[in-house]
Amino acid sequence: MFGMLAICYLFLGGAGSGALAVLGVLECARALRWRALAMPAEFFARAWPMCTVTLGTGVLCLFADLGRPERVIRLVTSPEPSAMAVGALALAASLARL
């Protein structure tokens, strides 16, 4: 059903957004000083950039899969939601959050 680039985009988007959610919880735990979920600052210094790279690579796979820039605009502005459109919007929102 999906090509290799779409599979990479969906995997990297899911992995990146999952990492974003976990890192958000761990940052909250660090702010609240919960020792059970405490992580060293070096962990966050390495994890946030990796999360950004993973999400960015997912976006590049999406752009490569679509082929032309105007297809990206049509995908996002389409009145009928699809798995690709929802995923593209979720990736954009996740990257905007970072």
PDB file of N, CA and C in Angstrom:
ATOM      1  N   MET A   1       0.815  -1.180   0.000  1.00  0.00           N
ATOM      2  CA  MET A   1       0.000   0.000   0.000  1.00  0.00           C
ATOM      3  C   MET A   1       0.870   1.260   0.000  1.00  0.00           C
ATOM      4  N   PHE A   2       1.895   1.325   0.856  1.00  0.00           N
ATOM      5  CA  PHE A   2       2.785   2.482   0.910  1.00  0.00           C
ATOM      6  C   PHE A   2       4.145   2.104   0.341  1.00  0.00           C
ATOM      7  N   GLY A   3       4.830   3.086  -0.235  1.00  0.00           N
ATOM      8  CA  GLY A   3       6.189   2.886  -0.723  1.00  0.00           C
ATOM      9  C   GLY A   3       7.191   2.969   0.415  1.00  0.00           C
ATOM     10  N   MET A   4       8.458   2.742   0.085  1.00  0.00           N
ATOM     11  CA  MET A   4       9.508   2.736   1.097  1.00  0.00           C
ATOM     12  C   MET A   4       9.667   4.101   1.766  1.00  0.00           C
ATOM     13  N   LEU A   5       9.575   5.199   0.997  1.00  0.00           N
ATOM     14  CA  LEU A   5       9.705   6.524   1.606  1.00  0.00           C
ATOM     15  C   LEU A   5       8.552   6.819   2.564  1.00  0.00           C
ATOM     16  N   ALA A   6       7.351   6.390   2.213  1.00  0.00           N
ATOM     17  CA  ALA A   6       6.202   6.599   3.100  1.00  0.00           C
ATOM     18  C   ALA A   6       6.365   5.786   4.375  1.00  0.00           C
ATOM     19  N   ILE A   7       6.877   4.591   4.259  1.00  0.00           N
ATOM     20  CA  ILE A   7       7.110   3.769   5.448  1.00  0.00           C
ATOM     21  C   ILE A   7       8.159   4.426   6.350  1.00  0.00           C
ATOM     22  N   CYS A   8       9.232   4.952   5.741  1.00  0.00           N
ATOM     23  CA  CYS A   8      10.266   5.649   6.530  1.00  0.00           C
ATOM     24  C   CYS A   8       9.693   6.885   7.197  1.00  0.00           C
ATOM     25  N   TYR A   9       8.886   7.640   6.455  1.00  0.00           N
ATOM     26  CA  TYR A   9       8.276   8.855   7.009  1.00  0.00           C
ATOM     27  C   TYR A   9       7.368   8.507   8.184  1.00  0.00           C
ATOM     28  N   LEU A  10       6.559   7.476   8.050  1.00  0.00           N
ATOM     29  CA  LEU A  10       5.656   7.094   9.136  1.00  0.00           C
ATOM     30  C   LEU A  10       6.433   6.571  10.345  1.00  0.00           C
ATOM     31  N   PHE A  11       7.471   5.768  10.104  1.00  0.00           N
ATOM     32  CA  PHE A  11       8.269   5.233  11.208  1.00  0.00           C
ATOM     33  C   PHE A  11       9.021   6.344  11.931  1.00  0.00           C
ATOM     34  N   LEU A  12       9.727   7.178  11.159  1.00  0.00           N
ATOM     35  CA  LEU A  12      10.514   8.241  11.785  1.00  0.00           C
ATOM     36  C   LEU A  12       9.624   9.263  12.480  1.00  0.00           C
ATOM     37  N   GLY A  13       8.486   9.548  11.902  1.00  0.00           N
ATOM     38  CA  GLY A  13       7.548  10.464  12.547  1.00  0.00           C
ATOM     39  C   GLY A  13       7.028   9.893  13.854  1.00  0.00           C
ATOM     40  N   GLY A  14       6.697   8.612  13.856  1.00  0.00           N
ATOM     41  CA  GLY A  14       6.220   7.972  15.084  1.00  0.00           C
ATOM     42  C   GLY A  14       7.299   7.876  16.144  1.00  0.00           C
ATOM     43  N   ALA A  15       8.499   7.496  15.722  1.00  0.00           N
ATOM     44  CA  ALA A  15       9.603   7.388  16.674  1.00  0.00           C
ATOM     45  C   ALA A  15       9.978   8.757  17.236  1.00  0.00           C
ATOM     46  N   GLY A  16      10.023   9.751  16.370  1.00  0.00           N
ATOM     47  CA  GLY A  16      10.372  11.098  16.817  1.00  0.00           C
ATOM     48  C   GLY A  16       9.329  11.700  17.735  1.00  0.00           C
ATOM     49  N   SER A  17       8.059  11.505  17.405  1.00  0.00           N
ATOM     50  CA  SER A  17       7.013  12.062  18.268  1.00  0.00           C
ATOM     51  C   SER A  17       6.904  11.283  19.574  1.00  0.00           C
ATOM     52  N   GLY A  18       7.171   9.992  19.553  1.00  0.00           N
ATOM     53  CA  GLY A  18       7.219   9.223  20.798  1.00  0.00           C
ATOM     54  C   GLY A  18       8.355   9.693  21.689  1.00  0.00           C
ATOM     55  N   ALA A  19       9.512   9.949  21.086  1.00  0.00           N
ATOM     56  CA  ALA A  19      10.639  10.475  21.849  1.00  0.00           C
ATOM     57  C   ALA A  19      10.313  11.860  22.393  1.00  0.00           C
ATOM     58  N   LEU A  20       9.610  12.668  21.609  1.00  0.00           N
ATOM     59  CA  LEU A  20       9.197  13.997  22.064  1.00  0.00           C
ATOM     60  C   LEU A  20       8.300  13.893  23.294  1.00  0.00           C
ATOM     61  N   ALA A  21       7.361  12.966  23.272  1.00  0.00           N
ATOM     62  CA  ALA A  21       6.456  12.791  24.415  1.00  0.00           C
ATOM     63  C   ALA A  21       7.209  12.308  25.655  1.00  0.00           C
ATOM     64  N   VAL A  22       8.080  11.327  25.485  1.00  0.00           N
ATOM     65  CA  VAL A  22       8.841  10.793  26.624  1.00  0.00           C
ATOM     66  C   VAL A  22       9.773  11.854  27.197  1.00  0.00           C
ATOM     67  N   LEU A  23      10.447  12.591  26.320  1.00  0.00           N
ATOM     68  CA  LEU A  23      11.340  13.642  26.805  1.00  0.00           C
ATOM     69  C   LEU A  23      10.570  14.747  27.514  1.00  0.00           C
ATOM     70  N   GLY A  24       9.376  15.042  27.042  1.00  0.00           N
ATOM     71  CA  GLY A  24       8.548  16.033  27.718  1.00  0.00           C
ATOM     72  C   GLY A  24       8.190  15.604  29.129  1.00  0.00           C
ATOM     73  N   VAL A  25       7.822  14.333  29.294  1.00  0.00           N
ATOM     74  CA  VAL A  25       7.493  13.812  30.622  1.00  0.00           C
ATOM     75  C   VAL A  25       8.732  13.829  31.526  1.00  0.00           C
ATOM     76  N   LEU A  26       9.865  13.425  30.974  1.00  0.00           N
ATOM     77  CA  LEU A  26      11.092  13.413  31.775  1.00  0.00           C
ATOM     78  C   LEU A  26      11.531  14.830  32.171  1.00  0.00           C
ATOM     79  N   GLU A  27      11.324  15.788  31.280  1.00  0.00           N
ATOM     80  CA  GLU A  27      11.640  17.185  31.627  1.00  0.00           C
ATOM     81  C   GLU A  27      10.725  17.686  32.735  1.00  0.00           C
ATOM     82  N   CYS A  28       9.443  17.321  32.674  1.00  0.00           N
ATOM     83  CA  CYS A  28       8.513  17.703  33.749  1.00  0.00           C
ATOM     84  C   CYS A  28       8.924  17.068  35.069  1.00  0.00           C
ATOM     85  N   ALA A  29       9.326  15.801  35.014  1.00  0.00           N
ATOM     86  CA  ALA A  29       9.775  15.113  36.227  1.00  0.00           C
ATOM     87  C   ALA A  29      11.026  15.773  36.784  1.00  0.00           C
ATOM     88  N   ARG A  30      11.903  16.228  35.902  1.00  0.00           N
ATOM     89  CA  ARG A  30      13.120  16.911  36.357  1.00  0.00           C
ATOM     90  C   ARG A  30      12.767  18.251  36.996  1.00  0.00           C
ATOM     91  N   ALA A  31      11.801  18.961  36.399  1.00  0.00           N
ATOM     92  CA  ALA A  31      11.388  20.249  36.960  1.00  0.00           C
ATOM     93  C   ALA A  31      10.725  20.077  38.321  1.00  0.00           C
ATOM     94  N   LEU A  32       9.993  18.970  38.498  1.00  0.00           N
ATOM     95  CA  LEU A  32       9.322  18.705  39.770  1.00  0.00           C
ATOM     96  C   LEU A  32      10.228  17.969  40.763  1.00  0.00           C
ATOM     97  N   ARG A  33      11.442  17.662  40.327  1.00  0.00           N
ATOM     98  CA  ARG A  33      12.458  16.981  41.141  1.00  0.00           C
ATOM     99  C   ARG A  33      12.011  15.608  41.642  1.00  0.00           C
ATOM    100  N   TRP A  34      11.376  14.836  40.730  1.00  0.00           N
ATOM    101  CA  TRP A  34      11.012  13.455  41.044  1.00  0.00           C
ATOM    102  C   TRP A  34      12.247  12.594  40.843  1.00  0.00           C
ATOM    103  N   ARG A  35      12.716  12.016  41.891  1.00  0.00           N
ATOM    104  CA  ARG A  35      13.941  11.223  41.813  1.00  0.00           C
ATOM    105  C   ARG A  35      13.761   9.924  41.050  1.00  0.00           C
ATOM    106  N   ALA A  36      12.556   9.382  41.049  1.00  0.00           N
ATOM    107  CA  ALA A  36      12.322   8.110  40.361  1.00  0.00           C
ATOM    108  C   ALA A  36      12.540   8.233  38.855  1.00  0.00           C
ATOM    109  N   LEU A  37      12.283   9.413  38.282  1.00  0.00           N
ATOM    110  CA  LEU A  37      12.444   9.618  36.844  1.00  0.00           C
ATOM    111  C   LEU A  37      13.591  10.567  36.524  1.00  0.00           C
ATOM    112  N   ALA A  38      14.476  10.786  37.476  1.00  0.00           N
ATOM    113  CA  ALA A  38      15.563  11.748  37.290  1.00  0.00           C
ATOM    114  C   ALA A  38      16.552  11.248  36.238  1.00  0.00           C
ATOM    115  N   MET A  39      16.921  12.156  35.361  1.00  0.00           N
ATOM    116  CA  MET A  39      17.914  11.862  34.332  1.00  0.00           C
ATOM    117  C   MET A  39      18.952  12.977  34.380  1.00  0.00           C
ATOM    118  N   PRO A  40      20.203  12.668  34.048  1.00  0.00           N
ATOM    119  CA  PRO A  40      21.236  13.719  34.071  1.00  0.00           C
ATOM    120  C   PRO A  40      21.019  14.724  32.937  1.00  0.00           C
ATOM    121  N   ALA A  41      21.535  15.911  33.127  1.00  0.00           N
ATOM    122  CA  ALA A  41      21.386  16.983  32.128  1.00  0.00           C
ATOM    123  C   ALA A  41      22.039  16.592  30.803  1.00  0.00           C
ATOM    124  N   GLU A  42      23.105  15.806  30.850  1.00  0.00           N
ATOM    125  CA  GLU A  42      23.773  15.367  29.622  1.00  0.00           C
ATOM    126  C   GLU A  42      22.848  14.523  28.753  1.00  0.00           C
ATOM    127  N   PHE A  43      21.987  13.749  29.382  1.00  0.00           N
ATOM    128  CA  PHE A  43      21.013  12.951  28.627  1.00  0.00           C
ATOM    129  C   PHE A  43      20.126  13.854  27.776  1.00  0.00           C
ATOM    130  N   PHE A  44      19.608  14.915  28.378  1.00  0.00           N
ATOM    131  CA  PHE A  44      18.723  15.831  27.648  1.00  0.00           C
ATOM    132  C   PHE A  44      19.483  16.599  26.575  1.00  0.00           C
ATOM    133  N   ALA A  45      20.747  16.921  26.858  1.00  0.00           N
ATOM    134  CA  ALA A  45      21.558  17.639  25.878  1.00  0.00           C
ATOM    135  C   ALA A  45      21.768  16.808  24.620  1.00  0.00           C
ATOM    136  N   ARG A  46      21.732  15.504  24.738  1.00  0.00           N
ATOM    137  CA  ARG A  46      21.889  14.630  23.573  1.00  0.00           C
ATOM    138  C   ARG A  46      20.554  14.176  22.997  1.00  0.00           C
ATOM    139  N   ALA A  47      19.547  14.017  23.840  1.00  0.00           N
ATOM    140  CA  ALA A  47      18.271  13.457  23.397  1.00  0.00           C
ATOM    141  C   ALA A  47      17.447  14.449  22.581  1.00  0.00           C
ATOM    142  N   TRP A  48      17.405  15.710  22.981  1.00  0.00           N
ATOM    143  CA  TRP A  48      16.600  16.681  22.234  1.00  0.00           C
ATOM    144  C   TRP A  48      17.091  16.859  20.798  1.00  0.00           C
ATOM    145  N   PRO A  49      18.393  16.994  20.559  1.00  0.00           N
ATOM    146  CA  PRO A  49      18.836  17.087  19.165  1.00  0.00           C
ATOM    147  C   PRO A  49      18.541  15.822  18.359  1.00  0.00           C
ATOM    148  N   MET A  50      18.651  14.665  18.987  1.00  0.00           N
ATOM    149  CA  MET A  50      18.329  13.417  18.266  1.00  0.00           C
ATOM    150  C   MET A  50      16.847  13.363  17.899  1.00  0.00           C
ATOM    151  N   CYS A  51      16.011  13.853  18.785  1.00  0.00           N
ATOM    152  CA  CYS A  51      14.582  13.922  18.505  1.00  0.00           C
ATOM    153  C   CYS A  51      14.319  14.846  17.313  1.00  0.00           C
ATOM    154  N   THR A  52      14.991  15.980  17.289  1.00  0.00           N
ATOM    155  CA  THR A  52      14.846  16.930  16.192  1.00  0.00           C
ATOM    156  C   THR A  52      15.327  16.330  14.871  1.00  0.00           C
ATOM    157  N   VAL A  53      16.461  15.633  14.904  1.00  0.00           N
ATOM    158  CA  VAL A  53      16.992  15.004  13.698  1.00  0.00           C
ATOM    159  C   VAL A  53      16.042  13.921  13.192  1.00  0.00           C
ATOM    160  N   THR A  54      15.487  13.135  14.088  1.00  0.00           N
ATOM    161  CA  THR A  54      14.557  12.075  13.691  1.00  0.00           C
ATOM    162  C   THR A  54      13.312  12.662  13.036  1.00  0.00           C
ATOM    163  N   LEU A  55      12.733  13.686  13.642  1.00  0.00           N
ATOM    164  CA  LEU A  55      11.554  14.320  13.055  1.00  0.00           C
ATOM    165  C   LEU A  55      11.894  15.004  11.737  1.00  0.00           C
ATOM    166  N   GLY A  56      13.025  15.673  11.681  1.00  0.00           N
ATOM    167  CA  GLY A  56      13.443  16.337  10.438  1.00  0.00           C
ATOM    168  C   GLY A  56      13.679  15.358   9.305  1.00  0.00           C
ATOM    169  N   THR A  57      14.258  14.210   9.616  1.00  0.00           N
ATOM    170  CA  THR A  57      14.461  13.176   8.595  1.00  0.00           C
ATOM    171  C   THR A  57      13.126  12.639   8.108  1.00  0.00           C
ATOM    172  N   GLY A  58      12.168  12.503   9.018  1.00  0.00           N
ATOM    173  CA  GLY A  58      10.819  12.090   8.614  1.00  0.00           C
ATOM    174  C   GLY A  58      10.187  13.091   7.663  1.00  0.00           C
ATOM    175  N   VAL A  59      10.380  14.378   7.927  1.00  0.00           N
ATOM    176  CA  VAL A  59       9.855  15.416   7.039  1.00  0.00           C
ATOM    177  C   VAL A  59      10.527  15.330   5.667  1.00  0.00           C
ATOM    178  N   LEU A  60      11.838  15.124   5.645  1.00  0.00           N
ATOM    179  CA  LEU A  60      12.540  14.987   4.369  1.00  0.00           C
ATOM    180  C   LEU A  60      12.049  13.779   3.580  1.00  0.00           C
ATOM    181  N   CYS A  61      11.771  12.684   4.261  1.00  0.00           N
ATOM    182  CA  CYS A  61      11.219  11.503   3.579  1.00  0.00           C
ATOM    183  C   CYS A  61       9.844  11.810   2.992  1.00  0.00           C
ATOM    184  N   LEU A  62       9.051  12.573   3.727  1.00  0.00           N
ATOM    185  CA  LEU A  62       7.738  12.961   3.221  1.00  0.00           C
ATOM    186  C   LEU A  62       7.882  13.828   1.981  1.00  0.00           C
ATOM    187  N   PHE A  63       8.754  14.825   2.032  1.00  0.00           N
ATOM    188  CA  PHE A  63       8.961  15.693   0.871  1.00  0.00           C
ATOM    189  C   PHE A  63       9.484  14.900  -0.327  1.00  0.00           C
ATOM    190  N   ALA A  64      10.407  13.986  -0.082  1.00  0.00           N
ATOM    191  CA  ALA A  64      10.942  13.175  -1.179  1.00  0.00           C
ATOM    192  C   ALA A  64       9.862  12.271  -1.754  1.00  0.00           C
ATOM    193  N   ASP A  65       8.993  11.756  -0.913  1.00  0.00           N
ATOM    194  CA  ASP A  65       7.913  10.888  -1.389  1.00  0.00           C
ATOM    195  C   ASP A  65       6.917  11.657  -2.243  1.00  0.00           C
ATOM    196  N   LEU A  66       6.640  12.898  -1.874  1.00  0.00           N
ATOM    197  CA  LEU A  66       5.684  13.704  -2.635  1.00  0.00           C
ATOM    198  C   LEU A  66       6.274  14.191  -3.954  1.00  0.00           C
ATOM    199  N   GLY A  67       7.562  14.413  -4.001  1.00  0.00           N
ATOM    200  CA  GLY A  67       8.215  14.736  -5.254  1.00  0.00           C
ATOM    201  C   GLY A  67       8.302  16.213  -5.582  1.00  0.00           C
ATOM    202  N   ARG A  68       7.206  16.929  -5.546  1.00  0.00           N
ATOM    203  CA  ARG A  68       7.190  18.345  -5.928  1.00  0.00           C
ATOM    204  C   ARG A  68       6.626  19.179  -4.787  1.00  0.00           C
ATOM    205  N   PRO A  69       7.116  20.425  -4.628  1.00  0.00           N
ATOM    206  CA  PRO A  69       6.677  21.266  -3.497  1.00  0.00           C
ATOM    207  C   PRO A  69       5.182  21.571  -3.490  1.00  0.00           C
ATOM    208  N   GLU A  70       4.578  21.740  -4.654  1.00  0.00           N
ATOM    209  CA  GLU A  70       3.147  22.065  -4.667  1.00  0.00           C
ATOM    210  C   GLU A  70       2.286  20.908  -4.155  1.00  0.00           C
ATOM    211  N   ARG A  71       2.806  19.714  -4.212  1.00  0.00           N
ATOM    212  CA  ARG A  71       2.064  18.567  -3.662  1.00  0.00           C
ATOM    213  C   ARG A  71       1.992  18.641  -2.136  1.00  0.00           C
ATOM    214  N   VAL A  72       3.005  19.208  -1.509  1.00  0.00           N
ATOM    215  CA  VAL A  72       2.989  19.375  -0.056  1.00  0.00           C
ATOM    216  C   VAL A  72       1.853  20.315   0.337  1.00  0.00           C
ATOM    217  N   ILE A  73       1.733  21.413  -0.390  1.00  0.00           N
ATOM    218  CA  ILE A  73       0.671  22.379  -0.097  1.00  0.00           C
ATOM    219  C   ILE A  73      -0.697  21.747  -0.320  1.00  0.00           C
ATOM    220  N   ARG A  74      -0.849  21.001  -1.413  1.00  0.00           N
ATOM    221  CA  ARG A  74      -2.123  20.326  -1.664  1.00  0.00           C
ATOM    222  C   ARG A  74      -2.433  19.290  -0.595  1.00  0.00           C
ATOM    223  N   LEU A  75      -1.414  18.595  -0.118  1.00  0.00           N
ATOM    224  CA  LEU A  75      -1.616  17.582   0.922  1.00  0.00           C
ATOM    225  C   LEU A  75      -2.133  18.213   2.211  1.00  0.00           C
ATOM    226  N   VAL A  76      -1.533  19.319   2.606  1.00  0.00           N
ATOM    227  CA  VAL A  76      -1.889  19.957   3.870  1.00  0.00           C
ATOM    228  C   VAL A  76      -3.237  20.671   3.781  1.00  0.00           C
ATOM    229  N   THR A  77      -3.568  21.224   2.632  1.00  0.00           N
ATOM    230  CA  THR A  77      -4.813  21.982   2.486  1.00  0.00           C
ATOM    231  C   THR A  77      -5.970  21.156   1.948  1.00  0.00           C
ATOM    232  N   SER A  78      -5.780  19.877   1.782  1.00  0.00           N
ATOM    233  CA  SER A  78      -6.833  19.012   1.265  1.00  0.00           C
ATOM    234  C   SER A  78      -8.021  18.975   2.225  1.00  0.00           C
ATOM    235  N   PRO A  79      -9.260  19.111   1.687  1.00  0.00           N
ATOM    236  CA  PRO A  79     -10.432  19.090   2.571  1.00  0.00           C
ATOM    237  C   PRO A  79     -10.722  17.705   3.158  1.00  0.00           C
ATOM    238  N   GLU A  80     -10.275  16.652   2.479  1.00  0.00           N
ATOM    239  CA  GLU A  80     -10.493  15.288   2.975  1.00  0.00           C
ATOM    240  C   GLU A  80      -9.226  14.799   3.675  1.00  0.00           C
ATOM    241  N   PRO A  81      -9.321  14.504   4.972  1.00  0.00           N
ATOM    242  CA  PRO A  81      -8.123  14.038   5.686  1.00  0.00           C
ATOM    243  C   PRO A  81      -7.726  12.629   5.245  1.00  0.00           C
ATOM    244  N   SER A  82      -6.440  12.418   5.170  1.00  0.00           N
ATOM    245  CA  SER A  82      -5.895  11.095   4.878  1.00  0.00           C
ATOM    246  C   SER A  82      -4.805  10.809   5.903  1.00  0.00           C
ATOM    247  N   ALA A  83      -4.306   9.594   5.905  1.00  0.00           N
ATOM    248  CA  ALA A  83      -3.235   9.237   6.842  1.00  0.00           C
ATOM    249  C   ALA A  83      -1.999  10.098   6.590  1.00  0.00           C
ATOM    250  N   MET A  84      -1.704  10.357   5.343  1.00  0.00           N
ATOM    251  CA  MET A  84      -0.544  11.167   5.000  1.00  0.00           C
ATOM    252  C   MET A  84      -0.739  12.618   5.445  1.00  0.00           C
ATOM    253  N   ALA A  85      -1.942  13.170   5.244  1.00  0.00           N
ATOM    254  CA  ALA A  85      -2.200  14.563   5.632  1.00  0.00           C
ATOM    255  C   ALA A  85      -2.139  14.736   7.145  1.00  0.00           C
ATOM    256  N   VAL A  86      -2.746  13.825   7.870  1.00  0.00           N
ATOM    257  CA  VAL A  86      -2.718  13.898   9.331  1.00  0.00           C
ATOM    258  C   VAL A  86      -1.285  13.746   9.834  1.00  0.00           C
ATOM    259  N   GLY A  87      -0.539  12.832   9.260  1.00  0.00           N
ATOM    260  CA  GLY A  87       0.856  12.644   9.651  1.00  0.00           C
ATOM    261  C   GLY A  87       1.712  13.855   9.340  1.00  0.00           C
ATOM    262  N   ALA A  88       1.489  14.480   8.179  1.00  0.00           N
ATOM    263  CA  ALA A  88       2.243  15.677   7.808  1.00  0.00           C
ATOM    264  C   ALA A  88       1.959  16.814   8.778  1.00  0.00           C
ATOM    265  N   LEU A  89       0.700  16.993   9.138  1.00  0.00           N
ATOM    266  CA  LEU A  89       0.345  18.035  10.097  1.00  0.00           C
ATOM    267  C   LEU A  89       0.920  17.735  11.480  1.00  0.00           C
ATOM    268  N   ALA A  90       0.918  16.477  11.870  1.00  0.00           N
ATOM    269  CA  ALA A  90       1.494  16.097  13.166  1.00  0.00           C
ATOM    270  C   ALA A  90       2.998  16.335  13.186  1.00  0.00           C
ATOM    271  N   LEU A  91       3.682  16.028  12.075  1.00  0.00           N
ATOM    272  CA  LEU A  91       5.110  16.296  12.006  1.00  0.00           C
ATOM    273  C   LEU A  91       5.400  17.788  12.097  1.00  0.00           C
ATOM    274  N   ALA A  92       4.611  18.578  11.381  1.00  0.00           N
ATOM    275  CA  ALA A  92       4.803  20.033  11.415  1.00  0.00           C
ATOM    276  C   ALA A  92       4.583  20.578  12.826  1.00  0.00           C
ATOM    277  N   ALA A  93       3.545  20.090  13.499  1.00  0.00           N
ATOM    278  CA  ALA A  93       3.262  20.546  14.862  1.00  0.00           C
ATOM    279  C   ALA A  93       4.372  20.120  15.824  1.00  0.00           C
ATOM    280  N   SER A  94       4.893  18.920  15.654  1.00  0.00           N
ATOM    281  CA  SER A  94       5.971  18.445  16.524  1.00  0.00           C
ATOM    282  C   SER A  94       7.247  19.242  16.328  1.00  0.00           C
ATOM    283  N   LEU A  95       7.579  19.530  15.075  1.00  0.00           N
ATOM    284  CA  LEU A  95       8.775  20.321  14.821  1.00  0.00           C
ATOM    285  C   LEU A  95       8.614  21.755  15.290  1.00  0.00           C
ATOM    286  N   ALA A  96       7.397  22.283  15.197  1.00  0.00           N
ATOM    287  CA  ALA A  96       7.135  23.636  15.680  1.00  0.00           C
ATOM    288  C   ALA A  96       7.302  23.684  17.196  1.00  0.00           C
ATOM    289  N   ARG A  97       6.978  22.598  17.871  1.00  0.00           N
ATOM    290  CA  ARG A  97       7.101  22.511  19.322  1.00  0.00           C
ATOM    291  C   ARG A  97       8.562  22.561  19.747  1.00  0.00           C
ATOM    292  N   LEU A  98       9.435  21.983  18.934  1.00  0.00           N
ATOM    293  CA  LEU A  98      10.851  21.956  19.293  1.00  0.00           C
ATOM    294  C   LEU A  98      11.446  23.316  19.033  1.00  0.00           C
TER     295      LEU A  98
END
